[in-house]
C-alpha atoms as a PDB file:
ATOM      1  CA  MET A   1      14.346 -25.769  20.543  1.00  0.00           C
ATOM      2  CA  ALA A   2      14.962 -21.953  20.429  1.00  0.00           C
ATOM      3  CA  HIS A   3      12.754 -19.960  22.610  1.00  0.00           C
ATOM      4  CA  ARG A   4      10.465 -17.366  20.821  1.00  0.00           C
ATOM      5  CA  LYS A   5      11.534 -13.849  21.485  1.00  0.00           C
ATOM      6  CA  SER A   6       8.781 -11.828  23.264  1.00  0.00           C
ATOM      7  CA  GLN A   7       7.472  -8.741  21.501  1.00  0.00           C
ATOM      8  CA  TYR A   8       7.294  -6.937  24.804  1.00  0.00           C
ATOM      9  CA  GLY A   9      10.807  -5.472  25.035  1.00  0.00           C
ATOM     10  CA  ALA A  10      10.200  -3.170  27.947  1.00  0.00           C
ATOM     11  CA  ALA A  11       9.410  -3.922  31.620  1.00  0.00           C
ATOM     12  CA  VAL A  12       7.654  -0.971  33.245  1.00  0.00           C
ATOM     13  CA  ARG A  13       8.186  -0.358  36.968  1.00  0.00           C
ATOM     14  CA  TYR A  14       6.532   2.233  39.090  1.00  0.00           C
ATOM     15  CA  LYS A  15       8.293   3.035  42.350  1.00  0.00           C
ATOM     16  CA  GLY A  16      10.170  -0.159  42.190  1.00  0.00           C
ATOM     17  CA  LYS A  17       7.186  -2.411  41.511  1.00  0.00           C
ATOM     18  CA  LEU A  18       6.733  -4.212  38.184  1.00  0.00           C
ATOM     19  CA  VAL A  19       3.385  -3.012  36.745  1.00  0.00           C
ATOM     20  CA  GLY A  20       3.509  -4.693  33.325  1.00  0.00           C
ATOM     21  CA  ARG A  21       5.403  -5.373  30.058  1.00  0.00           C
ATOM     22  CA  CYS A  22       4.929  -3.680  26.832  1.00  0.00           C
ATOM     23  CA  THR A  23       6.643  -2.768  23.581  1.00  0.00           C
ATOM     24  CA  VAL A  24       9.524  -0.243  23.580  1.00  0.00           C
ATOM     25  CA  SER A  25       7.407   2.305  21.703  1.00  0.00           C
ATOM     26  CA  ASP A  26       4.584   1.885  24.293  1.00  0.00           C
ATOM     27  CA  SER A  27       7.099   2.530  27.052  1.00  0.00           C
ATOM     28  CA  GLU A  28       8.404   5.634  25.389  1.00  0.00           C
ATOM     29  CA  ALA A  29       4.871   6.940  24.826  1.00  0.00           C
ATOM     30  CA  LEU A  30       4.021   6.305  28.480  1.00  0.00           C
ATOM     31  CA  ALA A  31       6.992   8.484  29.573  1.00  0.00           C
ATOM     32  CA  VAL A  32       5.728  11.269  27.339  1.00  0.00           C
ATOM     33  CA  TYR A  33       2.123  11.020  28.461  1.00  0.00           C
ATOM     34  CA  MET A  34       3.079  11.003  32.211  1.00  0.00           C
ATOM     35  CA  LYS A  35       5.276  14.005  31.800  1.00  0.00           C
ATOM     36  CA  GLU A  36       2.537  15.931  29.909  1.00  0.00           C
ATOM     37  CA  CYS A  37      -0.034  15.069  32.629  1.00  0.00           C
ATOM     38  CA  ALA A  38       2.119  15.903  35.793  1.00  0.00           C
ATOM     39  CA  ASN A  39       2.833  12.172  36.400  1.00  0.00           C
ATOM     40  CA  ASN A  40      -0.884  11.523  37.096  1.00  0.00           C
ATOM     41  CA  ALA A  41      -2.070   8.298  35.412  1.00  0.00           C
ATOM     42  CA  LEU A  42      -5.795   9.197  35.857  1.00  0.00           C
ATOM     43  CA  PHE A  43      -5.204  12.370  33.846  1.00  0.00           C
ATOM     44  CA  VAL A  44      -3.483  10.443  31.088  1.00  0.00           C
ATOM     45  CA  LEU A  45      -6.474   7.996  30.919  1.00  0.00           C
ATOM     46  CA  VAL A  46      -8.968  10.787  30.562  1.00  0.00           C
ATOM     47  CA  LYS A  47      -6.951  12.976  28.227  1.00  0.00           C
ATOM     48  CA  TYR A  48      -6.007  10.270  25.747  1.00  0.00           C
ATOM     49  CA  ASP A  49      -8.095   7.403  24.312  1.00  0.00           C
ATOM     50  CA  HIS A  50      -5.670   5.509  22.022  1.00  0.00           C
ATOM     51  CA  PHE A  51      -3.765   2.802  24.039  1.00  0.00           C
ATOM     52  CA  SER A  52      -2.802  -0.688  23.380  1.00  0.00           C
ATOM     53  CA  PRO A  53      -4.338  -3.170  25.866  1.00  0.00           C
ATOM     54  CA  GLU A  54      -0.903  -3.529  27.542  1.00  0.00           C
ATOM     55  CA  LEU A  55      -0.379   0.209  27.956  1.00  0.00           C
ATOM     56  CA  ARG A  56      -3.909   0.745  29.271  1.00  0.00           C
ATOM     57  CA  GLY A  57      -3.438  -2.064  31.836  1.00  0.00           C
ATOM     58  CA  ILE A  58      -0.110  -0.565  32.940  1.00  0.00           C
ATOM     59  CA  LEU A  59      -1.763   2.899  33.384  1.00  0.00           C
ATOM     60  CA  GLU A  60      -4.695   1.447  35.357  1.00  0.00           C
ATOM     61  CA  LYS A  61      -2.207  -0.323  37.667  1.00  0.00           C
ATOM     62  CA  ILE A  62      -0.256   2.907  38.183  1.00  0.00           C
ATOM     63  CA  GLN A  63      -3.538   4.766  38.790  1.00  0.00           C
ATOM     64  CA  ASP A  64      -4.532   2.191  41.528  1.00  0.00           C
ATOM     65  CA  ILE A  65      -1.133   2.763  43.265  1.00  0.00           C
ATOM     66  CA  GLN A  66      -1.540   6.585  43.068  1.00  0.00           C
ATOM     67  CA  SER A  67      -5.135   6.335  44.279  1.00  0.00           C
ATOM     68  CA  ALA A  68      -4.057   4.302  47.323  1.00  0.00           C
ATOM     69  CA  GLU A  69      -1.307   6.756  48.012  1.00  0.00           C
ATOM     70  CA  TYR A  70      -3.595   9.714  47.639  1.00  0.00           C
ATOM     71  CA  GLU A  71      -6.166   8.330  50.019  1.00  0.00           C
ATOM     72  CA  ARG A  72      -3.470   7.938  52.664  1.00  0.00           C
ATOM     73  CA  SER A  73      -2.178  11.416  52.137  1.00  0.00           C
ATOM     74  CA  PRO A  74      -3.317  14.587  53.931  1.00  0.00           C
ATOM     75  CA  ALA A  75      -4.876  15.857  50.649  1.00  0.00           C
ATOM     76  CA  GLY A  76      -6.754  12.634  50.293  1.00  0.00           C
ATOM     77  CA  ARG A  77      -8.198  12.897  53.813  1.00  0.00           C
ATOM     78  CA  LEU A  78      -9.014  16.509  53.140  1.00  0.00           C
ATOM     79  CA  PHE A  79     -10.798  15.677  50.005  1.00  0.00           C
ATOM     80  CA  SER A  80     -12.815  12.747  51.347  1.00  0.00           C
ATOM     81  CA  PRO A  81     -16.152  12.268  49.482  1.00  0.00           C
ATOM     82  CA  PRO A  82     -19.049  14.261  50.933  1.00  0.00           C
ATOM     83  CA  ARG A  83     -21.740  12.409  52.867  1.00  0.00           C
ATOM     84  CA  THR A  84     -24.312  15.208  52.642  1.00  0.00           C
ATOM     85  CA  SER A  85     -25.079  17.711  49.902  1.00  0.00           C
ATOM     86  CA  PRO A  86     -27.291  20.808  49.448  1.00  0.00           C
ATOM     87  CA  TRP A  87     -29.734  18.424  47.768  1.00  0.00           C
ATOM     88  CA  GLY A  88     -29.998  15.902  50.630  1.00  0.00           C
ATOM     89  CA  GLU A  89     -28.041  12.837  51.845  1.00  0.00           C
ATOM     90  CA  VAL A  90     -25.622  11.560  49.244  1.00  0.00           C
ATOM     91  CA  GLN A  91     -26.854   8.207  47.741  1.00  0.00           C
ATOM     92  CA  HIS A  92     -24.053   7.885  45.173  1.00  0.00           C
ATOM     93  CA  CYS A  93     -20.714   9.704  44.780  1.00  0.00           C
ATOM     94  CA  GLU A  94     -18.231   9.514  41.959  1.00  0.00           C
ATOM     95  CA  THR A  95     -14.826  11.160  42.259  1.00  0.00           C
ATOM     96  CA  ILE A  96     -14.120  12.888  38.962  1.00  0.00           C
ATOM     97  CA  CYS A  97     -10.736  14.055  39.993  1.00  0.00           C
ATOM     98  CA  PRO A  98      -9.196  14.920  43.385  1.00  0.00           C
ATOM     99  CA  GLY A  99     -11.604  17.209  45.151  1.00  0.00           C
ATOM    100  CA  VAL A 100     -14.345  17.047  42.596  1.00  0.00           C
ATOM    101  CA  PHE A 101     -17.330  14.864  43.206  1.00  0.00           C
ATOM    102  CA  MET A 102     -20.486  14.100  41.198  1.00  0.00           C
ATOM    103  CA  VAL A 103     -23.174  13.301  43.761  1.00  0.00           C
ATOM    104  CA  SER A 104     -26.707  12.069  43.507  1.00  0.00           C
ATOM    105  CA  THR A 105     -29.449  11.949  46.188  1.00  0.00           C
ATOM    106  CA  PRO A 106     -32.913  10.357  46.185  1.00  0.00           C
ATOM    107  CA  GLY A 107     -34.233  13.569  44.624  1.00  0.00           C
ATOM    108  CA  HIS A 108     -31.554  15.537  42.905  1.00  0.00           C
ATOM    109  CA  GLY A 109     -27.751  16.045  42.568  1.00  0.00           C
ATOM    110  CA  GLY A 110     -24.908  17.926  41.076  1.00  0.00           C
ATOM    111  CA  ILE A 111     -21.150  18.441  41.230  1.00  0.00           C
ATOM    112  CA  MET A 112     -19.363  19.532  44.494  1.00  0.00           C
ATOM    113  CA  VAL A 113     -15.881  21.023  44.255  1.00  0.00           C
ATOM    114  CA  ALA A 114     -13.965  21.193  47.516  1.00  0.00           C
ATOM    115  CA  GLN A 115     -12.938  24.893  47.983  1.00  0.00           C
ATOM    116  CA  ASP A 116      -9.283  23.874  48.475  1.00  0.00           C
ATOM    117  CA  ALA A 117      -9.316  22.048  45.064  1.00  0.00           C
ATOM    118  CA  ALA A 118     -11.163  24.767  43.179  1.00  0.00           C
ATOM    119  CA  ALA A 119      -8.094  26.584  41.753  1.00  0.00           C
ATOM    120  CA  PHE A 120      -8.888  25.118  38.292  1.00  0.00           C
ATOM    121  CA  LEU A 121     -12.202  27.013  38.155  1.00  0.00           C
ATOM    122  CA  SER A 122     -12.141  30.285  36.437  1.00  0.00           C
ATOM    123  CA  PRO A 123     -13.737  33.331  38.243  1.00  0.00           C
ATOM    124  CA  ALA A 124     -16.631  33.224  35.778  1.00  0.00           C
ATOM    125  CA  ALA A 125     -17.268  29.574  36.681  1.00  0.00           C
ATOM    126  CA  ARG A 126     -17.127  30.135  40.382  1.00  0.00           C
ATOM    127  CA  LYS A 127     -19.916  32.678  40.026  1.00  0.00           C
ATOM    128  CA  CYS A 128     -22.206  30.093  38.523  1.00  0.00           C
ATOM    129  CA  GLY A 129     -21.888  27.833  41.624  1.00  0.00           C
ATOM    130  CA  PHE A 130     -22.818  28.436  45.174  1.00  0.00           C
ATOM    131  CA  ARG A 131     -20.904  27.728  48.442  1.00  0.00           C
ATOM    132  CA  LYS A 132     -22.113  25.249  50.981  1.00  0.00           C
ATOM    133  CA  GLY A 133     -20.228  23.268  53.594  1.00  0.00           C
ATOM    134  CA  GLY A 134     -16.670  23.828  52.294  1.00  0.00           C
ATOM    135  CA  TYR A 135     -17.731  23.132  48.655  1.00  0.00           C
ATOM    136  CA  ILE A 136     -18.546  25.087  45.570  1.00  0.00           C
ATOM    137  CA  CYS A 137     -21.755  23.412  44.278  1.00  0.00           C
ATOM    138  CA  PHE A 138     -23.156  23.153  40.769  1.00  0.00           C
ATOM    139  CA  GLU A 139     -26.768  21.953  40.515  1.00  0.00           C
ATOM    140  CA  GLU A 140     -27.202  19.197  37.918  1.00  0.00           C
ATOM    141  CA  ASP A 141     -29.974  20.783  35.798  1.00  0.00           C
ATOM    142  CA  SER A 142     -28.424  24.214  35.159  1.00  0.00           C
ATOM    143  CA  GLN A 143     -24.985  24.711  36.632  1.00  0.00           C
ATOM    144  CA  GLU A 144     -23.346  21.262  36.351  1.00  0.00           C
ATOM    145  CA  ALA A 145     -22.432  21.740  32.649  1.00  0.00           C
ATOM    146  CA  VAL A 146     -20.114  24.738  33.666  1.00  0.00           C
ATOM    147  CA  ALA A 147     -18.098  22.577  36.052  1.00  0.00           C
ATOM    148  CA  LEU A 148     -17.790  19.792  33.450  1.00  0.00           C
ATOM    149  CA  ARG A 149     -16.875  22.283  30.703  1.00  0.00           C
ATOM    150  CA  GLU A 150     -14.113  23.632  32.975  1.00  0.00           C
ATOM    151  CA  LEU A 151     -12.744  20.122  33.639  1.00  0.00           C
ATOM    152  CA  MET A 152     -12.726  19.337  29.934  1.00  0.00           C
ATOM    153  CA  ASP A 153     -11.036  22.544  29.012  1.00  0.00           C
ATOM    154  CA  LYS A 154      -8.255  21.886  31.574  1.00  0.00           C
ATOM    155  CA  GLY A 155      -7.827  18.308  30.430  1.00  0.00           C
ATOM    156  CA  LEU A 156      -8.870  16.947  33.805  1.00  0.00           C
ATOM    157  CA  TRP A 157     -11.877  14.868  32.613  1.00  0.00           C
ATOM    158  CA  SER A 158     -13.338  13.359  29.512  1.00  0.00           C
ATOM    159  CA  PRO A 159     -16.709  11.588  29.104  1.00  0.00           C
ATOM    160  CA  THR A 160     -16.222   7.838  29.151  1.00  0.00           C
ATOM    161  CA  HIS A 161     -20.000   6.890  29.070  1.00  0.00           C
ATOM    162  CA  THR A 162     -20.444   7.804  25.466  1.00  0.00           C
ATOM    163  CA  THR A 163     -18.854   6.991  22.107  1.00  0.00           C
ATOM    164  CA  ASN A 164     -20.032  10.281  20.673  1.00  0.00           C
ATOM    165  CA  LYS A 165     -17.952  12.718  22.584  1.00  0.00           C
ATOM    166  CA  ALA A 166     -18.362  15.582  20.048  1.00  0.00           C
ATOM    167  CA  GLY A 167     -22.230  15.266  20.361  1.00  0.00           C
ATOM    168  CA  TYR A 168     -22.016  15.089  24.195  1.00  0.00           C
ATOM    169  CA  GLU A 169     -19.730  18.230  24.230  1.00  0.00           C
ATOM    170  CA  GLU A 170     -22.193  20.177  22.010  1.00  0.00           C
ATOM    171  CA  ARG A 171     -25.106  19.300  24.268  1.00  0.00           C
ATOM    172  CA  LEU A 172     -22.985  20.482  27.188  1.00  0.00           C
ATOM    173  CA  ASN A 173     -22.325  23.735  25.394  1.00  0.00           C
ATOM    174  CA  GLU A 174     -26.020  24.262  24.554  1.00  0.00           C
ATOM    175  CA  ARG A 175     -27.022  23.879  28.213  1.00  0.00           C
ATOM    176  CA  ILE A 176     -24.361  26.397  29.164  1.00  0.00           C
ATOM    177  CA  ARG A 177     -25.622  28.907  26.585  1.00  0.00           C
ATOM    178  CA  GLU A 178     -29.176  28.451  27.759  1.00  0.00           C
ATOM    179  CA  TYR A 179     -28.591  28.652  31.510  1.00  0.00           C
ATOM    180  CA  ASN A 180     -25.355  30.484  31.950  1.00  0.00           C
ATOM    181  CA  PRO A 181     -24.924  32.915  29.030  1.00  0.00           C
ATOM    182  CA  ASP A 182     -22.583  35.229  30.976  1.00  0.00           C
ATOM    183  CA  TYR A 183     -20.194  32.331  31.579  1.00  0.00           C
ATOM    184  CA  TRP A 184     -20.358  31.331  27.942  1.00  0.00           C
ATOM    185  CA  ARG A 185     -19.432  34.889  26.728  1.00  0.00           C
ATOM    186  CA  SER A 186     -16.660  35.110  29.215  1.00  0.00           C
ATOM    187  CA  ARG A 187     -15.331  31.649  28.152  1.00  0.00           C
ATOM    188  CA  GLU A 188     -15.491  32.418  24.384  1.00  0.00           C
ATOM    189  CA  GLY A 189     -13.874  35.872  24.887  1.00  0.00           C
ATOM    190  CA  GLY A 190     -11.000  34.236  26.707  1.00  0.00           C
ATOM    191  CA  ARG A 191     -10.591  31.677  23.945  1.00  0.00           C
ATOM    192  CA  GLN A 192     -10.512  34.357  21.298  1.00  0.00           C
ATOM    193  CA  ARG A 193      -7.978  36.328  23.136  1.00  0.00           C
ATOM    194  CA  ALA A 194      -5.789  33.316  23.455  1.00  0.00           C
ATOM    195  CA  VAL A 195      -6.017  32.630  19.684  1.00  0.00           C
ATOM    196  CA  HIS A 196      -5.172  36.336  19.003  1.00  0.00           C
ATOM    197  CA  ARG A 197      -2.083  36.157  21.240  1.00  0.00           C
ATOM    198  CA  ARG A 198      -0.956  32.889  19.594  1.00  0.00           C
ATOM    199  CA  ASP A 199      -1.326  34.147  16.053  1.00  0.00           C
ATOM    200  CA  ALA A 200       0.057  37.615  16.779  1.00  0.00           C
ATOM    201  CA  PRO A 201       3.372  38.228  14.760  1.00  0.00           C
ATOM    202  CA  THR A 202       6.510  38.344  16.785  1.00  0.00           C
ATOM    203  CA  ARG A 203       7.899  41.817  16.798  1.00  0.00           C
ATOM    204  CA  PRO A 204      11.531  41.798  15.523  1.00  0.00           C
ATOM    205  CA  VAL A 205      14.293  42.969  17.788  1.00  0.00           C
ATOM    206  CA  GLU A 206      16.304  45.795  16.166  1.00  0.00           C
ATOM    207  CA  ALA A 207      20.046  45.538  15.970  1.00  0.00           C
ATOM    208  CA  GLY A 208      21.641  46.924  19.057  1.00  0.00           C
ATOM    209  CA  ALA A 209      18.437  46.848  21.028  1.00  0.00           C
ATOM    210  CA  THR A 210      18.201  45.194  24.453  1.00  0.00           C
ATOM    211  CA  ARG A 211      15.411  43.335  25.981  1.00  0.00           C
END
């Protein structure tokens, strides 16, 4: 009796360890996604949302390996979750991405960004937070939306708790416009300048001219 040929033509390995099998097209897509996201499986998972079950499982296994490596690294020890916050003792802490934590306390909470991991924050965003204990802190009611907006703009985070991402994003923008109008104007101005540079016609180089 002939054996049925498996549809999974690619075996995916990460650092010599088999992490799953998938189709060849999924394997090729994985290589592209990882390259675009600096070889960070977590960034791939939050930036894209259309995966086959096999590819998602592979990415999650790679993320587990990377997370374990990160926790053992000097950076992981540097960015260990905070135990205290400006709002009291931390009751729950979620790592959004390395060095960025969403914390809650019995009474309040917010986002705490380790200062050594805050390079992704724009100068305008940093002004919205306040510094405390080695972190830039964003209070949940009024400033947290700024930190989340920055993470989304950089492709470092995407909301997974809702199926209506467009609606969530608009509510986020509304909170920013209400509580942090200066930041919103700075962000929109930067986006308009980026569009203008992108759409600006390329100036032709005249014959005989040198760059």
